[in-house]
């Protein structure tokens, strides 16, 4: 089983290891599962999540694959790269979720990207608040991958003071060598 290259994917260490690209509204916060107006997560081992606020909150990690112990030869063989993330809203407020993952070369130029459409969660819809997973497998991106940039976040749709925006947890990036 490939190891998760993201450090602190569930907020157990608060915001440690994450670069806060956008920290709007009341800022990022880590809360305990399931939180106010929230839902239980499908994995009992995940007890915390990151919550966003009323202005855009985006956080990122850039993984240095050589520093993680991979060789240039392994990476140039184009191993499958799997990314996963879990997100949900609250039962009392809508929110948006966004994600962007980039495979980067030694100069941190983009080789391939996964950037799904912005998701808007409506608490009044049938499953507007349950945890949802997004995943993607990169392949055929050519030689030269040396870094992976993983970024995600969002905000609430009502601009309420506090942490009514999207919640994220269970993030992972694995390289299958």
N, C-alpha and C. Protein backbone atom coordinates (compact mmCIF):
# COMPACT_ATOMS: atom_id res chain seq x y z
N UNK A 1 0.85 -1.19 0.00
CA UNK A 1 0.00 0.00 0.00
C UNK A 1 0.89 1.25 0.00
N UNK A 2 0.66 2.13 -0.94
CA UNK A 2 1.45 3.36 -1.02
C UNK A 2 1.12 4.26 0.17
N UNK A 3 2.11 5.01 0.63
CA UNK A 3 1.89 5.87 1.79
C UNK A 3 1.36 7.24 1.37
N UNK A 4 0.59 7.84 2.27
CA UNK A 4 0.06 9.18 2.03
C UNK A 4 1.20 10.19 2.20
N UNK A 5 1.47 10.96 1.15
CA UNK A 5 2.55 11.94 1.18
C UNK A 5 2.14 13.26 1.80
N UNK A 6 0.85 13.47 2.03
CA UNK A 6 0.40 14.70 2.69
C UNK A 6 0.62 14.56 4.19
N UNK A 7 1.18 15.59 4.77
CA UNK A 7 1.35 15.62 6.22
C UNK A 7 0.12 16.29 6.84
N UNK A 8 -0.33 15.74 7.97
CA UNK A 8 -1.47 16.29 8.70
C UNK A 8 -2.73 16.40 7.82
N UNK A 9 -3.18 15.30 7.21
CA UNK A 9 -4.31 15.38 6.28
C UNK A 9 -5.67 15.60 6.94
N UNK A 10 -5.76 15.36 8.27
CA UNK A 10 -7.05 15.44 8.95
C UNK A 10 -7.13 16.50 10.03
N UNK A 11 -6.07 17.29 10.19
CA UNK A 11 -6.11 18.36 11.18
C UNK A 11 -5.70 17.94 12.58
N UNK A 12 -5.17 16.72 12.74
CA UNK A 12 -4.74 16.27 14.08
C UNK A 12 -3.67 17.19 14.66
N UNK A 13 -2.92 17.85 13.78
CA UNK A 13 -1.87 18.77 14.22
C UNK A 13 -2.25 20.22 13.87
N UNK A 14 -3.54 20.52 14.03
CA UNK A 14 -4.09 21.84 13.68
C UNK A 14 -3.74 22.17 12.22
N UNK A 15 -3.09 23.30 11.95
CA UNK A 15 -2.79 23.69 10.56
C UNK A 15 -1.32 23.46 10.19
N UNK A 16 -0.61 22.72 11.04
CA UNK A 16 0.80 22.42 10.80
C UNK A 16 0.98 21.78 9.42
N UNK A 17 2.03 22.16 8.72
CA UNK A 17 2.45 21.66 7.41
C UNK A 17 1.65 22.25 6.24
N UNK A 18 0.61 23.01 6.48
CA UNK A 18 -0.19 23.60 5.40
C UNK A 18 0.18 25.05 5.19
N UNK A 19 0.32 25.44 3.94
CA UNK A 19 0.51 26.84 3.55
C UNK A 19 -0.88 27.43 3.33
N UNK A 20 -1.22 28.49 4.05
CA UNK A 20 -2.53 29.12 3.89
C UNK A 20 -2.46 30.14 2.76
N UNK A 21 -2.97 29.77 1.60
CA UNK A 21 -2.94 30.66 0.43
C UNK A 21 -4.00 31.75 0.56
N UNK A 22 -5.16 31.37 1.07
CA UNK A 22 -6.23 32.32 1.36
C UNK A 22 -6.75 31.96 2.74
N UNK A 23 -6.94 32.98 3.58
CA UNK A 23 -7.35 32.74 4.96
C UNK A 23 -8.41 33.76 5.35
N UNK A 24 -9.46 33.83 4.53
CA UNK A 24 -10.46 34.89 4.67
C UNK A 24 -11.46 34.68 5.79
N UNK A 25 -12.29 35.70 5.96
CA UNK A 25 -13.36 35.64 6.95
C UNK A 25 -12.82 35.45 8.35
N UNK A 26 -13.33 34.45 9.04
CA UNK A 26 -12.86 34.13 10.39
C UNK A 26 -11.67 33.18 10.38
N UNK A 27 -11.12 32.93 9.19
CA UNK A 27 -9.91 32.12 8.99
C UNK A 27 -10.21 30.62 9.10
N UNK A 28 -9.23 29.83 8.69
CA UNK A 28 -9.31 28.38 8.83
C UNK A 28 -9.38 28.00 10.31
N UNK A 29 -10.04 26.88 10.60
CA UNK A 29 -10.09 26.35 11.96
C UNK A 29 -10.16 24.83 11.84
N UNK A 30 -9.70 24.14 12.88
CA UNK A 30 -9.84 22.68 12.97
C UNK A 30 -10.90 22.39 14.02
N UNK A 31 -11.85 21.53 13.68
CA UNK A 31 -12.94 21.17 14.59
C UNK A 31 -13.00 19.65 14.75
N UNK A 32 -13.67 19.22 15.83
CA UNK A 32 -13.86 17.79 16.08
C UNK A 32 -15.08 17.29 15.33
N UNK A 33 -14.98 16.09 14.80
CA UNK A 33 -16.05 15.41 14.10
C UNK A 33 -17.18 15.09 15.08
N UNK A 34 -18.46 15.23 14.80
CA UNK A 34 -19.00 15.71 13.53
C UNK A 34 -19.20 17.23 13.49
N UNK A 35 -18.99 17.92 14.60
CA UNK A 35 -19.13 19.38 14.63
C UNK A 35 -20.58 19.82 14.62
N UNK A 36 -20.79 21.13 14.79
CA UNK A 36 -22.15 21.69 14.77
C UNK A 36 -22.79 21.43 13.41
N UNK A 37 -24.02 20.96 13.43
CA UNK A 37 -24.80 20.76 12.20
C UNK A 37 -24.02 19.92 11.18
N UNK A 38 -23.28 18.93 11.67
CA UNK A 38 -22.45 18.13 10.79
C UNK A 38 -22.87 16.68 10.73
N UNK A 39 -22.06 15.91 10.02
CA UNK A 39 -22.33 14.49 9.82
C UNK A 39 -21.12 13.67 10.23
N UNK A 40 -21.37 12.46 10.71
CA UNK A 40 -20.28 11.55 11.04
C UNK A 40 -19.53 11.17 9.77
N UNK A 41 -18.25 10.90 9.94
CA UNK A 41 -17.40 10.50 8.83
C UNK A 41 -17.41 8.98 8.71
N UNK A 42 -17.14 8.47 7.54
CA UNK A 42 -17.21 7.03 7.28
C UNK A 42 -16.04 6.24 7.85
N UNK A 43 -15.03 6.91 8.37
CA UNK A 43 -13.85 6.25 8.93
C UNK A 43 -13.69 6.70 10.38
N UNK A 44 -13.87 5.77 11.32
CA UNK A 44 -13.79 6.12 12.74
C UNK A 44 -12.44 6.67 13.15
N UNK A 45 -11.38 6.38 12.36
CA UNK A 45 -10.06 6.88 12.68
C UNK A 45 -9.88 8.36 12.42
N UNK A 46 -10.80 8.96 11.66
CA UNK A 46 -10.74 10.40 11.37
C UNK A 46 -11.65 11.11 12.36
N UNK A 47 -11.06 11.92 13.23
CA UNK A 47 -11.82 12.56 14.30
C UNK A 47 -11.88 14.08 14.18
N UNK A 48 -11.17 14.64 13.20
CA UNK A 48 -11.14 16.08 13.03
C UNK A 48 -11.27 16.44 11.56
N UNK A 49 -11.59 17.71 11.30
CA UNK A 49 -11.65 18.23 9.94
C UNK A 49 -11.26 19.70 9.96
N UNK A 50 -10.94 20.22 8.79
CA UNK A 50 -10.64 21.65 8.61
C UNK A 50 -11.94 22.33 8.18
N UNK A 51 -12.23 23.49 8.75
CA UNK A 51 -13.45 24.23 8.39
C UNK A 51 -13.09 25.60 7.83
N UNK A 52 -13.85 26.02 6.81
CA UNK A 52 -13.64 27.32 6.18
C UNK A 52 -14.66 28.33 6.67
N UNK A 53 -14.48 29.57 6.25
CA UNK A 53 -15.28 30.68 6.77
C UNK A 53 -16.05 31.38 5.65
N UNK A 54 -16.42 32.65 5.88
CA UNK A 54 -17.31 33.37 4.96
C UNK A 54 -16.60 34.07 3.81
N UNK A 55 -15.28 34.04 3.80
CA UNK A 55 -14.51 34.47 2.64
C UNK A 55 -13.59 33.32 2.27
N UNK A 56 -13.04 33.36 1.08
CA UNK A 56 -12.29 32.23 0.56
C UNK A 56 -11.16 31.79 1.49
N UNK A 57 -11.11 30.48 1.74
CA UNK A 57 -10.05 29.83 2.50
C UNK A 57 -9.46 28.74 1.61
N UNK A 58 -8.18 28.84 1.30
CA UNK A 58 -7.47 27.84 0.50
C UNK A 58 -6.17 27.48 1.21
N UNK A 59 -5.88 26.19 1.28
CA UNK A 59 -4.60 25.76 1.86
C UNK A 59 -3.93 24.79 0.92
N UNK A 60 -2.59 24.70 1.04
CA UNK A 60 -1.83 23.93 0.06
C UNK A 60 -0.62 23.28 0.71
N UNK A 61 -0.23 22.14 0.13
CA UNK A 61 1.06 21.52 0.43
C UNK A 61 1.73 21.22 -0.90
N UNK A 62 3.03 21.49 -0.96
CA UNK A 62 3.83 21.10 -2.12
C UNK A 62 4.77 19.99 -1.65
N UNK A 63 4.64 18.83 -2.27
CA UNK A 63 5.42 17.65 -1.88
C UNK A 63 6.66 17.57 -2.77
N UNK A 64 7.82 17.53 -2.15
CA UNK A 64 9.10 17.36 -2.84
C UNK A 64 9.36 15.85 -2.90
N UNK A 65 9.16 15.26 -4.07
CA UNK A 65 9.22 13.80 -4.20
C UNK A 65 10.63 13.24 -4.01
N UNK A 66 11.65 13.96 -4.42
CA UNK A 66 13.03 13.48 -4.19
C UNK A 66 13.33 13.48 -2.69
N UNK A 67 12.88 14.52 -1.98
CA UNK A 67 13.08 14.58 -0.54
C UNK A 67 12.30 13.48 0.18
N UNK A 68 11.22 13.00 -0.43
CA UNK A 68 10.42 11.93 0.15
C UNK A 68 11.02 10.54 -0.13
N UNK A 69 12.15 10.51 -0.86
CA UNK A 69 12.84 9.25 -1.05
C UNK A 69 12.67 8.59 -2.41
N UNK A 70 11.92 9.20 -3.29
CA UNK A 70 11.77 8.65 -4.64
C UNK A 70 12.99 9.04 -5.48
N UNK A 71 13.37 8.17 -6.41
CA UNK A 71 14.49 8.48 -7.30
C UNK A 71 13.96 9.09 -8.59
N UNK A 72 14.84 9.80 -9.29
CA UNK A 72 14.46 10.37 -10.58
C UNK A 72 14.03 9.27 -11.54
N UNK A 73 14.68 8.12 -11.48
CA UNK A 73 14.34 7.01 -12.36
C UNK A 73 12.92 6.51 -12.08
N UNK A 74 12.59 6.37 -10.80
CA UNK A 74 11.23 5.93 -10.44
C UNK A 74 10.19 6.92 -10.95
N UNK A 75 10.47 8.19 -10.76
CA UNK A 75 9.50 9.23 -11.14
C UNK A 75 9.40 9.36 -12.66
N UNK A 76 10.50 9.19 -13.37
CA UNK A 76 10.49 9.31 -14.82
C UNK A 76 9.77 8.13 -15.49
N UNK A 77 9.50 7.08 -14.72
CA UNK A 77 8.74 5.93 -15.24
C UNK A 77 7.23 6.20 -15.21
N UNK A 78 6.84 7.42 -14.84
CA UNK A 78 5.44 7.86 -14.81
C UNK A 78 4.55 6.97 -13.93
N UNK A 79 4.91 6.82 -12.64
CA UNK A 79 4.06 6.01 -11.77
C UNK A 79 2.68 6.68 -11.60
N UNK A 80 1.67 5.85 -11.38
CA UNK A 80 0.33 6.39 -11.14
C UNK A 80 0.36 7.24 -9.86
N UNK A 81 -0.27 8.40 -9.92
CA UNK A 81 -0.40 9.28 -8.77
C UNK A 81 -1.89 9.39 -8.46
N UNK A 82 -2.27 8.98 -7.25
CA UNK A 82 -3.68 9.01 -6.85
C UNK A 82 -3.88 10.10 -5.82
N UNK A 83 -4.89 10.96 -6.06
CA UNK A 83 -5.24 12.01 -5.10
C UNK A 83 -6.69 11.79 -4.66
N UNK A 84 -6.93 12.02 -3.38
CA UNK A 84 -8.28 11.89 -2.82
C UNK A 84 -8.52 13.01 -1.84
N UNK A 85 -9.77 13.38 -1.70
CA UNK A 85 -10.16 14.38 -0.73
C UNK A 85 -11.61 14.12 -0.34
N UNK A 86 -11.96 14.49 0.87
CA UNK A 86 -13.33 14.38 1.36
C UNK A 86 -13.81 15.77 1.76
N UNK A 87 -15.05 16.10 1.44
CA UNK A 87 -15.61 17.40 1.78
C UNK A 87 -17.09 17.27 2.13
N UNK A 88 -17.59 18.20 2.90
CA UNK A 88 -19.02 18.24 3.21
C UNK A 88 -19.40 19.65 3.66
N UNK A 89 -20.70 19.89 3.67
CA UNK A 89 -21.23 21.14 4.17
C UNK A 89 -21.91 20.94 5.51
N UNK A 90 -22.57 21.99 5.97
CA UNK A 90 -23.35 21.94 7.20
C UNK A 90 -24.83 21.84 6.85
N UNK A 91 -25.64 21.47 7.82
CA UNK A 91 -27.08 21.36 7.57
C UNK A 91 -27.77 22.72 7.58
N UNK A 92 -27.05 23.79 7.99
CA UNK A 92 -27.70 25.09 8.13
C UNK A 92 -27.19 26.17 7.18
N UNK A 93 -26.20 25.86 6.35
CA UNK A 93 -25.63 26.90 5.48
C UNK A 93 -24.99 26.25 4.26
N UNK A 94 -25.20 26.84 3.10
CA UNK A 94 -24.56 26.36 1.88
C UNK A 94 -23.09 26.73 1.84
N UNK A 95 -22.35 26.09 0.94
CA UNK A 95 -20.93 26.37 0.84
C UNK A 95 -20.42 25.97 -0.54
N UNK A 96 -19.20 26.39 -0.83
CA UNK A 96 -18.53 25.98 -2.06
C UNK A 96 -17.25 25.23 -1.70
N UNK A 97 -16.85 24.33 -2.60
CA UNK A 97 -15.64 23.53 -2.43
C UNK A 97 -14.86 23.58 -3.72
N UNK A 98 -13.54 23.70 -3.60
CA UNK A 98 -12.68 23.65 -4.77
C UNK A 98 -11.40 22.91 -4.45
N UNK A 99 -10.81 22.37 -5.52
CA UNK A 99 -9.59 21.58 -5.38
C UNK A 99 -8.75 21.77 -6.63
N UNK A 100 -7.44 21.74 -6.46
CA UNK A 100 -6.52 21.78 -7.60
C UNK A 100 -5.27 21.00 -7.22
N UNK A 101 -4.89 20.04 -8.07
CA UNK A 101 -3.68 19.27 -7.85
C UNK A 101 -2.84 19.37 -9.12
N UNK A 102 -1.56 19.65 -8.94
CA UNK A 102 -0.65 19.82 -10.07
C UNK A 102 0.56 18.90 -9.92
N UNK A 103 0.90 18.20 -11.00
CA UNK A 103 2.17 17.49 -11.06
C UNK A 103 3.18 18.48 -11.65
N UNK A 104 4.32 18.66 -10.97
CA UNK A 104 5.26 19.70 -11.34
C UNK A 104 6.64 19.12 -11.64
N UNK A 105 7.37 19.79 -12.54
CA UNK A 105 8.74 19.37 -12.85
C UNK A 105 9.71 20.04 -11.87
N UNK A 106 11.01 19.90 -12.13
CA UNK A 106 12.02 20.43 -11.20
C UNK A 106 11.95 21.94 -11.04
N UNK A 107 11.41 22.65 -12.03
CA UNK A 107 11.24 24.11 -11.94
C UNK A 107 9.85 24.50 -11.45
N UNK A 108 9.10 23.51 -11.02
CA UNK A 108 7.72 23.66 -10.56
C UNK A 108 6.80 24.19 -11.65
N UNK A 109 7.11 23.78 -12.90
CA UNK A 109 6.22 24.03 -14.04
C UNK A 109 5.24 22.87 -14.13
N UNK A 110 4.00 23.15 -14.53
CA UNK A 110 2.93 22.15 -14.54
C UNK A 110 3.12 21.15 -15.68
N UNK A 111 3.14 19.87 -15.32
CA UNK A 111 3.15 18.79 -16.30
C UNK A 111 1.71 18.33 -16.59
N UNK A 112 0.91 18.23 -15.52
CA UNK A 112 -0.49 17.82 -15.66
C UNK A 112 -1.24 18.35 -14.45
N UNK A 113 -2.53 18.63 -14.64
CA UNK A 113 -3.32 19.15 -13.52
C UNK A 113 -4.67 18.45 -13.44
N UNK A 114 -5.21 18.46 -12.23
CA UNK A 114 -6.58 18.00 -11.97
C UNK A 114 -7.25 19.14 -11.21
N UNK A 115 -8.22 19.75 -11.85
CA UNK A 115 -8.89 20.90 -11.26
C UNK A 115 -10.38 20.79 -11.59
N UNK A 116 -11.12 20.03 -10.77
CA UNK A 116 -12.55 19.86 -11.05
C UNK A 116 -13.31 21.18 -10.90
N UNK A 117 -14.51 21.21 -11.47
CA UNK A 117 -15.37 22.39 -11.36
C UNK A 117 -15.66 22.71 -9.90
N UNK A 118 -15.87 23.98 -9.62
CA UNK A 118 -16.30 24.42 -8.30
C UNK A 118 -17.60 23.72 -7.94
N UNK A 119 -17.69 23.19 -6.72
CA UNK A 119 -18.89 22.50 -6.25
C UNK A 119 -19.62 23.42 -5.27
N UNK A 120 -20.92 23.57 -5.46
CA UNK A 120 -21.75 24.30 -4.50
C UNK A 120 -22.65 23.30 -3.79
N UNK A 121 -22.57 23.28 -2.47
CA UNK A 121 -23.38 22.37 -1.66
C UNK A 121 -24.56 23.13 -1.07
N UNK A 122 -25.75 22.59 -1.25
CA UNK A 122 -26.99 23.19 -0.76
C UNK A 122 -27.53 22.33 0.37
N UNK A 123 -27.65 22.88 1.59
CA UNK A 123 -28.12 22.06 2.72
C UNK A 123 -29.56 21.58 2.54
N UNK A 124 -30.32 22.20 1.65
CA UNK A 124 -31.71 21.79 1.44
C UNK A 124 -31.85 20.67 0.42
N UNK A 125 -30.75 20.31 -0.25
CA UNK A 125 -30.84 19.21 -1.22
C UNK A 125 -30.82 17.88 -0.47
N UNK A 126 -31.12 16.82 -1.17
CA UNK A 126 -31.28 15.51 -0.55
C UNK A 126 -30.05 15.06 0.23
N UNK A 127 -28.87 15.24 -0.34
CA UNK A 127 -27.65 14.82 0.37
C UNK A 127 -26.65 15.97 0.43
N UNK A 128 -27.15 17.18 0.61
CA UNK A 128 -26.32 18.37 0.56
C UNK A 128 -25.25 18.47 1.62
N UNK A 129 -25.33 17.64 2.65
CA UNK A 129 -24.38 17.79 3.75
C UNK A 129 -23.56 16.54 4.04
N UNK A 130 -23.85 15.42 3.42
CA UNK A 130 -23.09 14.22 3.72
C UNK A 130 -21.68 14.33 3.13
N UNK A 131 -20.75 13.59 3.71
CA UNK A 131 -19.37 13.61 3.23
C UNK A 131 -19.30 13.02 1.84
N UNK A 132 -18.56 13.69 0.95
CA UNK A 132 -18.39 13.26 -0.43
C UNK A 132 -16.90 13.14 -0.73
N UNK A 133 -16.56 12.17 -1.55
CA UNK A 133 -15.15 11.97 -1.91
C UNK A 133 -14.93 12.38 -3.35
N UNK A 134 -13.79 13.02 -3.58
CA UNK A 134 -13.33 13.30 -4.93
C UNK A 134 -11.97 12.61 -5.07
N UNK A 135 -11.77 11.95 -6.20
CA UNK A 135 -10.49 11.28 -6.41
C UNK A 135 -10.12 11.33 -7.88
N UNK A 136 -8.83 11.17 -8.12
CA UNK A 136 -8.32 11.22 -9.49
C UNK A 136 -7.00 10.45 -9.54
N UNK A 137 -6.77 9.77 -10.65
CA UNK A 137 -5.50 9.07 -10.87
C UNK A 137 -4.81 9.71 -12.07
N UNK A 138 -3.61 10.22 -11.85
CA UNK A 138 -2.80 10.79 -12.93
C UNK A 138 -2.03 9.67 -13.62
N UNK A 139 -1.95 9.76 -14.95
CA UNK A 139 -1.12 8.83 -15.73
C UNK A 139 -0.72 9.53 -17.02
N UNK A 140 0.25 8.95 -17.72
CA UNK A 140 0.69 9.48 -19.02
C UNK A 140 1.01 10.97 -18.97
N UNK A 141 1.78 11.38 -17.98
CA UNK A 141 2.11 12.79 -17.83
C UNK A 141 3.54 13.10 -18.29
N UNK A 142 4.27 12.07 -18.72
CA UNK A 142 5.62 12.29 -19.21
C UNK A 142 6.64 12.26 -18.09
N UNK A 143 7.92 12.16 -18.44
CA UNK A 143 8.98 12.14 -17.42
C UNK A 143 9.18 13.53 -16.82
N UNK A 144 9.84 13.56 -15.67
CA UNK A 144 10.25 14.85 -15.10
C UNK A 144 9.49 15.29 -13.86
N UNK A 145 8.47 14.55 -13.43
CA UNK A 145 7.74 14.96 -12.21
C UNK A 145 8.68 14.92 -11.01
N UNK A 146 8.72 16.03 -10.27
CA UNK A 146 9.55 16.10 -9.07
C UNK A 146 8.78 16.64 -7.86
N UNK A 147 7.67 17.32 -8.11
CA UNK A 147 6.85 17.90 -7.04
C UNK A 147 5.37 17.64 -7.34
N UNK A 148 4.57 17.62 -6.29
CA UNK A 148 3.11 17.58 -6.43
C UNK A 148 2.55 18.67 -5.53
N UNK A 149 1.70 19.52 -6.11
CA UNK A 149 1.02 20.57 -5.35
C UNK A 149 -0.43 20.16 -5.15
N UNK A 150 -0.87 20.12 -3.89
CA UNK A 150 -2.25 19.76 -3.53
C UNK A 150 -2.86 20.96 -2.83
N UNK A 151 -3.99 21.44 -3.35
CA UNK A 151 -4.64 22.64 -2.80
C UNK A 151 -6.15 22.40 -2.74
N UNK A 152 -6.77 22.86 -1.66
CA UNK A 152 -8.23 22.76 -1.56
C UNK A 152 -8.77 23.79 -0.58
N UNK A 153 -10.10 23.95 -0.61
CA UNK A 153 -10.76 24.87 0.30
C UNK A 153 -12.11 25.30 -0.22
N UNK A 154 -12.54 26.47 0.24
CA UNK A 154 -13.85 27.00 -0.15
C UNK A 154 -14.31 28.05 0.83
N UNK A 155 -15.63 28.20 0.90
CA UNK A 155 -16.23 29.20 1.80
C UNK A 155 -17.71 28.94 1.90
N UNK A 156 -18.38 29.67 2.82
CA UNK A 156 -19.83 29.51 2.89
C UNK A 156 -20.50 30.41 1.85
N UNK A 157 -21.79 30.21 1.63
CA UNK A 157 -22.50 30.98 0.61
C UNK A 157 -23.37 32.09 1.19
N UNK A 158 -23.40 32.22 2.52
CA UNK A 158 -24.26 33.23 3.14
C UNK A 158 -23.47 34.33 3.84
N UNK A 159 -22.14 34.21 3.83
CA UNK A 159 -21.26 35.21 4.47
C UNK A 159 -21.59 35.40 5.94
N UNK A 160 -21.77 34.30 6.63
CA UNK A 160 -22.03 34.32 8.07
C UNK A 160 -20.71 34.33 8.83
N UNK A 161 -20.62 35.17 9.84
CA UNK A 161 -19.46 35.20 10.73
C UNK A 161 -19.24 33.81 11.34
N UNK A 162 -18.00 33.35 11.35
CA UNK A 162 -17.72 32.05 11.94
C UNK A 162 -17.28 31.05 10.88
N UNK A 163 -17.58 29.77 11.13
CA UNK A 163 -17.08 28.67 10.29
C UNK A 163 -18.24 27.86 9.74
N UNK A 164 -18.93 28.46 8.77
CA UNK A 164 -20.09 27.83 8.15
C UNK A 164 -19.78 27.31 6.74
N UNK A 165 -18.52 27.42 6.33
CA UNK A 165 -18.12 26.99 4.99
C UNK A 165 -17.84 25.51 4.90
N UNK A 166 -17.27 25.11 3.76
CA UNK A 166 -17.01 23.70 3.51
C UNK A 166 -16.02 23.15 4.54
N UNK A 167 -16.18 21.85 4.81
CA UNK A 167 -15.29 21.13 5.71
C UNK A 167 -14.52 20.12 4.87
N UNK A 168 -13.23 19.96 5.15
CA UNK A 168 -12.39 19.03 4.40
C UNK A 168 -11.58 18.17 5.35
N UNK A 169 -11.36 16.91 4.96
CA UNK A 169 -10.54 15.99 5.75
C UNK A 169 -10.19 14.78 4.89
N UNK A 170 -9.39 13.89 5.42
CA UNK A 170 -9.09 12.64 4.74
C UNK A 170 -8.36 12.80 3.41
N UNK A 171 -7.61 13.87 3.25
CA UNK A 171 -6.91 14.14 2.01
C UNK A 171 -5.73 13.17 1.86
N UNK A 172 -5.45 12.78 0.62
CA UNK A 172 -4.28 11.94 0.41
C UNK A 172 -3.70 12.10 -0.99
N UNK A 173 -2.39 11.92 -1.07
CA UNK A 173 -1.64 11.87 -2.32
C UNK A 173 -0.72 10.65 -2.21
N UNK A 174 -0.84 9.72 -3.14
CA UNK A 174 0.03 8.54 -3.15
C UNK A 174 0.66 8.37 -4.51
N UNK A 175 1.90 7.86 -4.51
CA UNK A 175 2.63 7.58 -5.75
C UNK A 175 2.88 6.07 -5.76
N UNK A 176 2.42 5.42 -6.80
CA UNK A 176 2.46 3.96 -6.89
C UNK A 176 3.73 3.48 -7.61
N UNK A 177 4.82 3.32 -6.82
CA UNK A 177 6.07 2.81 -7.42
C UNK A 177 6.35 1.41 -6.94
